[in-house]
PDB file of all heavy atoms in Angstrom:
ATOM      1  N   MET A   1      30.820 -92.639 119.030  1.00  0.00           N
ATOM      2  CA  MET A   1      29.480 -92.365 119.525  1.00  0.00           C
ATOM      3  C   MET A   1      28.438 -92.672 118.460  1.00  0.00           C
ATOM      4  O   MET A   1      27.404 -93.304 118.734  1.00  0.00           O
ATOM      5  CB  MET A   1      29.387 -90.901 119.974  1.00  0.00           C
ATOM      6  CG  MET A   1      28.072 -90.520 120.620  1.00  0.00           C
ATOM      7  SD  MET A   1      28.078 -88.817 121.245  1.00  0.00           S
ATOM      8  CE  MET A   1      29.069 -89.007 122.728  1.00  0.00           C
ATOM      9  N   LEU A   2      28.720 -92.255 117.250  1.00  0.00           N
ATOM     10  CA  LEU A   2      27.788 -92.527 116.149  1.00  0.00           C
ATOM     11  C   LEU A   2      27.605 -94.027 115.940  1.00  0.00           C
ATOM     12  O   LEU A   2      26.479 -94.497 115.735  1.00  0.00           O
ATOM     13  CB  LEU A   2      28.301 -91.886 114.858  1.00  0.00           C
ATOM     14  CG  LEU A   2      28.096 -90.383 114.681  1.00  0.00           C
ATOM     15  CD1 LEU A   2      28.887 -89.883 113.477  1.00  0.00           C
ATOM     16  CD2 LEU A   2      26.609 -90.069 114.504  1.00  0.00           C
ATOM     17  N   LYS A   3      28.705 -94.764 115.983  1.00  0.00           N
ATOM     18  CA  LYS A   3      28.612 -96.206 115.744  1.00  0.00           C
ATOM     19  C   LYS A   3      27.803 -96.885 116.844  1.00  0.00           C
ATOM     20  O   LYS A   3      27.001 -97.789 116.564  1.00  0.00           O
ATOM     21  CB  LYS A   3      30.004 -96.826 115.638  1.00  0.00           C
ATOM     22  CG  LYS A   3      29.978 -98.293 115.220  1.00  0.00           C
ATOM     23  CD  LYS A   3      31.327 -98.788 114.784  1.00  0.00           C
ATOM     24  CE  LYS A   3      31.274-100.268 114.343  1.00  0.00           C
ATOM     25  NZ  LYS A   3      30.376-100.486 113.178  1.00  0.00           N
ATOM     26  N   ALA A   4      27.986 -96.470 118.100  1.00  0.00           N
ATOM     27  CA  ALA A   4      27.225 -97.068 119.192  1.00  0.00           C
ATOM     28  C   ALA A   4      25.741 -96.737 119.078  1.00  0.00           C
ATOM     29  O   ALA A   4      24.878 -97.592 119.310  1.00  0.00           O
ATOM     30  CB  ALA A   4      27.777 -96.590 120.532  1.00  0.00           C
ATOM     31  N   LEU A   5      25.423 -95.504 118.730  1.00  0.00           N
ATOM     32  CA  LEU A   5      24.014 -95.129 118.551  1.00  0.00           C
ATOM     33  C   LEU A   5      23.395 -95.910 117.400  1.00  0.00           C
ATOM     34  O   LEU A   5      22.250 -96.372 117.497  1.00  0.00           O
ATOM     35  CB  LEU A   5      23.899 -93.621 118.304  1.00  0.00           C
ATOM     36  CG  LEU A   5      24.166 -92.720 119.508  1.00  0.00           C
ATOM     37  CD1 LEU A   5      24.281 -91.266 119.061  1.00  0.00           C
ATOM     38  CD2 LEU A   5      23.056 -92.865 120.546  1.00  0.00           C
ATOM     39  N   ASP A   6      24.138 -96.071 116.334  1.00  0.00           N
ATOM     40  CA  ASP A   6      23.624 -96.842 115.204  1.00  0.00           C
ATOM     41  C   ASP A   6      23.453 -98.313 115.574  1.00  0.00           C
ATOM     42  O   ASP A   6      22.542 -98.988 115.080  1.00  0.00           O
ATOM     43  CB  ASP A   6      24.576 -96.711 114.012  1.00  0.00           C
ATOM     44  CG  ASP A   6      24.073 -97.462 112.792  1.00  0.00           C
ATOM     45  OD1 ASP A   6      22.984 -97.122 112.282  1.00  0.00           O
ATOM     46  OD2 ASP A   6      24.759 -98.415 112.356  1.00  0.00           O
ATOM     47  N   ALA A   7      24.316 -98.803 116.472  1.00  0.00           N
ATOM     48  CA  ALA A   7      24.207-100.201 116.906  1.00  0.00           C
ATOM     49  C   ALA A   7      22.942-100.442 117.715  1.00  0.00           C
ATOM     50  O   ALA A   7      22.445-101.570 117.756  1.00  0.00           O
ATOM     51  CB  ALA A   7      25.432-100.586 117.725  1.00  0.00           C
ATOM     52  N   GLY A   8      22.437 -99.387 118.388  1.00  0.00           N
ATOM     53  CA  GLY A   8      21.191 -99.532 119.121  1.00  0.00           C
ATOM     54  C   GLY A   8      21.245 -99.232 120.596  1.00  0.00           C
ATOM     55  O   GLY A   8      20.316 -99.580 121.336  1.00  0.00           O
ATOM     56  N   ILE A   9      22.308 -98.547 121.067  1.00  0.00           N
ATOM     57  CA  ILE A   9      22.370 -98.257 122.503  1.00  0.00           C
ATOM     58  C   ILE A   9      21.469 -97.057 122.845  1.00  0.00           C
ATOM     59  O   ILE A   9      21.144 -96.231 122.000  1.00  0.00           O
ATOM     60  CB  ILE A   9      23.819 -98.018 122.982  1.00  0.00           C
ATOM     61  CG1 ILE A   9      24.384 -96.713 122.429  1.00  0.00           C
ATOM     62  CG2 ILE A   9      24.693 -99.190 122.607  1.00  0.00           C
ATOM     63  CD1 ILE A   9      24.280 -95.559 123.388  1.00  0.00           C
ATOM     64  N   ASP A  10      21.060 -96.996 124.100  1.00  0.00           N
ATOM     65  CA  ASP A  10      20.271 -95.874 124.602  1.00  0.00           C
ATOM     66  C   ASP A  10      21.060 -94.965 125.534  1.00  0.00           C
ATOM     67  O   ASP A  10      20.737 -93.790 125.659  1.00  0.00           O
ATOM     68  CB  ASP A  10      19.049 -96.396 125.369  1.00  0.00           C
ATOM     69  CG  ASP A  10      18.101 -97.170 124.486  1.00  0.00           C
ATOM     70  OD1 ASP A  10      17.630 -96.606 123.481  1.00  0.00           O
ATOM     71  OD2 ASP A  10      17.845 -98.355 124.785  1.00  0.00           O
ATOM     72  N   GLN A  11      22.052 -95.522 126.213  1.00  0.00           N
ATOM     73  CA  GLN A  11      22.840 -94.742 127.160  1.00  0.00           C
ATOM     74  C   GLN A  11      24.303 -95.113 127.075  1.00  0.00           C
ATOM     75  O   GLN A  11      24.645 -96.275 126.822  1.00  0.00           O
ATOM     76  CB  GLN A  11      22.375 -94.990 128.604  1.00  0.00           C
ATOM     77  CG  GLN A  11      21.312 -94.038 129.099  1.00  0.00           C
ATOM     78  CD  GLN A  11      21.111 -94.154 130.603  1.00  0.00           C
ATOM     79  OE1 GLN A  11      21.256 -95.213 131.188  1.00  0.00           O
ATOM     80  NE2 GLN A  11      20.749 -93.050 131.224  1.00  0.00           N
ATOM     81  N   PHE A  12      25.138 -94.108 127.329  1.00  0.00           N
ATOM     82  CA  PHE A  12      26.573 -94.318 127.425  1.00  0.00           C
ATOM     83  C   PHE A  12      26.949 -94.405 128.898  1.00  0.00           C
ATOM     84  O   PHE A  12      26.887 -93.408 129.625  1.00  0.00           O
ATOM     85  CB  PHE A  12      27.333 -93.179 126.742  1.00  0.00           C
ATOM     86  CG  PHE A  12      27.093 -93.089 125.264  1.00  0.00           C
ATOM     87  CD1 PHE A  12      26.179 -92.179 124.743  1.00  0.00           C
ATOM     88  CD2 PHE A  12      27.770 -93.927 124.384  1.00  0.00           C
ATOM     89  CE1 PHE A  12      25.951 -92.108 123.377  1.00  0.00           C
ATOM     90  CE2 PHE A  12      27.545 -93.862 123.019  1.00  0.00           C
ATOM     91  CZ  PHE A  12      26.637 -92.948 122.512  1.00  0.00           C
ATOM     92  N   GLY A  13      27.336 -95.590 129.335  1.00  0.00           N
ATOM     93  CA  GLY A  13      27.744 -95.769 130.715  1.00  0.00           C
ATOM     94  C   GLY A  13      29.129 -95.212 130.954  1.00  0.00           C
ATOM     95  O   GLY A  13      30.033 -95.370 130.133  1.00  0.00           O
ATOM     96  N   GLY A  14      29.314 -94.552 132.107  1.00  0.00           N
ATOM     97  CA  GLY A  14      30.628 -94.063 132.496  1.00  0.00           C
ATOM     98  C   GLY A  14      31.163 -92.936 131.648  1.00  0.00           C
ATOM     99  O   GLY A  14      32.363 -92.670 131.649  1.00  0.00           O
ATOM    100  N   GLU A  15      30.307 -92.261 130.942  1.00  0.00           N
ATOM    101  CA  GLU A  15      30.709 -91.145 130.094  1.00  0.00           C
ATOM    102  C   GLU A  15      29.911 -89.888 130.473  1.00  0.00           C
ATOM    103  O   GLU A  15      28.819 -89.986 131.032  1.00  0.00           O
ATOM    104  CB  GLU A  15      30.460 -91.465 128.616  1.00  0.00           C
ATOM    105  CG  GLU A  15      31.245 -92.649 128.069  1.00  0.00           C
ATOM    106  CD  GLU A  15      32.694 -92.295 127.757  1.00  0.00           C
ATOM    107  OE1 GLU A  15      33.055 -91.098 127.809  1.00  0.00           O
ATOM    108  OE2 GLU A  15      33.461 -93.223 127.460  1.00  0.00           O
ATOM    109  N   LEU A  16      30.498 -88.711 130.168  1.00  0.00           N
ATOM    110  CA  LEU A  16      29.767 -87.465 130.437  1.00  0.00           C
ATOM    111  C   LEU A  16      29.983 -86.436 129.331  1.00  0.00           C
ATOM    112  O   LEU A  16      29.761 -85.235 129.535  1.00  0.00           O
ATOM    113  CB  LEU A  16      30.165 -86.897 131.800  1.00  0.00           C
ATOM    114  CG  LEU A  16      31.642 -86.810 132.178  1.00  0.00           C
ATOM    115  CD1 LEU A  16      32.321 -85.589 131.578  1.00  0.00           C
ATOM    116  CD2 LEU A  16      31.782 -86.774 133.690  1.00  0.00           C
ATOM    117  N   CYS A  17      30.373 -86.909 128.143  1.00  0.00           N
ATOM    118  CA  CYS A  17      30.687 -85.997 127.036  1.00  0.00           C
ATOM    119  C   CYS A  17      29.414 -85.599 126.286  1.00  0.00           C
ATOM    120  O   CYS A  17      29.258 -85.873 125.087  1.00  0.00           O
ATOM    121  CB  CYS A  17      31.709 -86.616 126.102  1.00  0.00           C
ATOM    122  SG  CYS A  17      31.358 -88.301 125.550  1.00  0.00           S
ATOM    123  N   THR A  18      28.513 -84.942 126.998  1.00  0.00           N
ATOM    124  CA  THR A  18      27.275 -84.467 126.375  1.00  0.00           C
ATOM    125  C   THR A  18      27.567 -83.478 125.246  1.00  0.00           C
ATOM    126  O   THR A  18      26.794 -83.380 124.290  1.00  0.00           O
ATOM    127  CB  THR A  18      26.378 -83.805 127.429  1.00  0.00           C
ATOM    128  OG1 THR A  18      27.112 -82.771 128.093  1.00  0.00           O
ATOM    129  CG2 THR A  18      25.919 -84.817 128.472  1.00  0.00           C
ATOM    130  N   ASP A  19      28.685 -82.749 125.367  1.00  0.00           N
ATOM    131  CA  ASP A  19      29.038 -81.769 124.337  1.00  0.00           C
ATOM    132  C   ASP A  19      29.289 -82.441 122.994  1.00  0.00           C
ATOM    133  O   ASP A  19      28.948 -81.884 121.940  1.00  0.00           O
ATOM    134  CB  ASP A  19      30.261 -80.961 124.769  1.00  0.00           C
ATOM    135  CG  ASP A  19      31.443 -81.852 125.154  1.00  0.00           C
ATOM    136  OD1 ASP A  19      31.214 -82.899 125.796  1.00  0.00           O
ATOM    137  OD2 ASP A  19      32.598 -81.505 124.836  1.00  0.00           O
ATOM    138  N   VAL A  20      29.888 -83.629 123.022  1.00  0.00           N
ATOM    139  CA  VAL A  20      30.153 -84.340 121.771  1.00  0.00           C
ATOM    140  C   VAL A  20      28.845 -84.711 121.085  1.00  0.00           C
ATOM    141  O   VAL A  20      28.686 -84.547 119.869  1.00  0.00           O
ATOM    142  CB  VAL A  20      31.014 -85.591 122.037  1.00  0.00           C
ATOM    143  CG1 VAL A  20      31.191 -86.397 120.752  1.00  0.00           C
ATOM    144  CG2 VAL A  20      32.366 -85.202 122.608  1.00  0.00           C
ATOM    145  N   LEU A  21      27.886 -85.191 121.869  1.00  0.00           N
ATOM    146  CA  LEU A  21      26.597 -85.550 121.287  1.00  0.00           C
ATOM    147  C   LEU A  21      25.870 -84.316 120.760  1.00  0.00           C
ATOM    148  O   LEU A  21      25.282 -84.346 119.665  1.00  0.00           O
ATOM    149  CB  LEU A  21      25.736 -86.271 122.333  1.00  0.00           C
ATOM    150  CG  LEU A  21      24.345 -86.720 121.878  1.00  0.00           C
ATOM    151  CD1 LEU A  21      24.417 -87.571 120.613  1.00  0.00           C
ATOM    152  CD2 LEU A  21      23.642 -87.495 122.997  1.00  0.00           C
ATOM    153  N   LEU A  22      25.921 -83.226 121.494  1.00  0.00           N
ATOM    154  CA  LEU A  22      25.254 -82.002 121.037  1.00  0.00           C
ATOM    155  C   LEU A  22      25.887 -81.480 119.753  1.00  0.00           C
ATOM    156  O   LEU A  22      25.170 -80.968 118.865  1.00  0.00           O
ATOM    157  CB  LEU A  22      25.299 -80.936 122.129  1.00  0.00           C
ATOM    158  CG  LEU A  22      24.349 -81.184 123.300  1.00  0.00           C
ATOM    159  CD1 LEU A  22      24.618 -80.204 124.439  1.00  0.00           C
ATOM    160  CD2 LEU A  22      22.888 -81.069 122.851  1.00  0.00           C
ATOM    161  N   ASP A  23      27.201 -81.604 119.615  1.00  0.00           N
ATOM    162  CA  ASP A  23      27.840 -81.206 118.362  1.00  0.00           C
ATOM    163  C   ASP A  23      27.353 -82.070 117.208  1.00  0.00           C
ATOM    164  O   ASP A  23      27.107 -81.568 116.096  1.00  0.00           O
ATOM    165  CB  ASP A  23      29.364 -81.330 118.484  1.00  0.00           C
ATOM    166  CG  ASP A  23      29.985 -80.229 119.340  1.00  0.00           C
ATOM    167  OD1 ASP A  23      29.292 -79.224 119.608  1.00  0.00           O
ATOM    168  OD2 ASP A  23      31.149 -80.387 119.759  1.00  0.00           O
ATOM    169  N   LEU A  24      27.194 -83.369 117.443  1.00  0.00           N
ATOM    170  CA  LEU A  24      26.697 -84.256 116.389  1.00  0.00           C
ATOM    171  C   LEU A  24      25.273 -83.888 115.983  1.00  0.00           C
ATOM    172  O   LEU A  24      24.916 -83.957 114.796  1.00  0.00           O
ATOM    173  CB  LEU A  24      26.750 -85.708 116.861  1.00  0.00           C
ATOM    174  CG  LEU A  24      28.144 -86.324 117.008  1.00  0.00           C
ATOM    175  CD1 LEU A  24      28.046 -87.711 117.662  1.00  0.00           C
ATOM    176  CD2 LEU A  24      28.848 -86.429 115.660  1.00  0.00           C
ATOM    177  N   VAL A  25      24.470 -83.484 116.971  1.00  0.00           N
ATOM    178  CA  VAL A  25      23.104 -83.046 116.654  1.00  0.00           C
ATOM    179  C   VAL A  25      23.146 -81.754 115.841  1.00  0.00           C
ATOM    180  O   VAL A  25      22.446 -81.606 114.825  1.00  0.00           O
ATOM    181  CB  VAL A  25      22.290 -82.869 117.953  1.00  0.00           C
ATOM    182  CG1 VAL A  25      20.922 -82.248 117.643  1.00  0.00           C
ATOM    183  CG2 VAL A  25      22.105 -84.202 118.665  1.00  0.00           C
ATOM    184  N   ALA A  26      23.975 -80.800 116.269  1.00  0.00           N
ATOM    185  CA  ALA A  26      24.069 -79.512 115.573  1.00  0.00           C
ATOM    186  C   ALA A  26      24.559 -79.678 114.138  1.00  0.00           C
ATOM    187  O   ALA A  26      24.153 -78.929 113.237  1.00  0.00           O
ATOM    188  CB  ALA A  26      24.997 -78.569 116.344  1.00  0.00           C
ATOM    189  N   GLU A  27      25.428 -80.677 113.943  1.00  0.00           N
ATOM    190  CA  GLU A  27      25.960 -80.931 112.598  1.00  0.00           C
ATOM    191  C   GLU A  27      25.003 -81.752 111.740  1.00  0.00           C
ATOM    192  O   GLU A  27      25.296 -82.011 110.563  1.00  0.00           O
ATOM    193  CB  GLU A  27      27.294 -81.675 112.716  1.00  0.00           C
ATOM    194  CG  GLU A  27      28.397 -80.857 113.382  1.00  0.00           C
ATOM    195  CD  GLU A  27      29.568 -81.729 113.836  1.00  0.00           C
ATOM    196  OE1 GLU A  27      29.540 -82.950 113.542  1.00  0.00           O
ATOM    197  OE2 GLU A  27      30.477 -81.202 114.490  1.00  0.00           O
TER     198      GLU A  27
END
């Protein structure tokens, strides 16, 4: 997820792991 965000994506297609992103924000 981090690598894709760093690459420049805005949305993750076909995914619903919002918890993973929220953990990355919290960390």
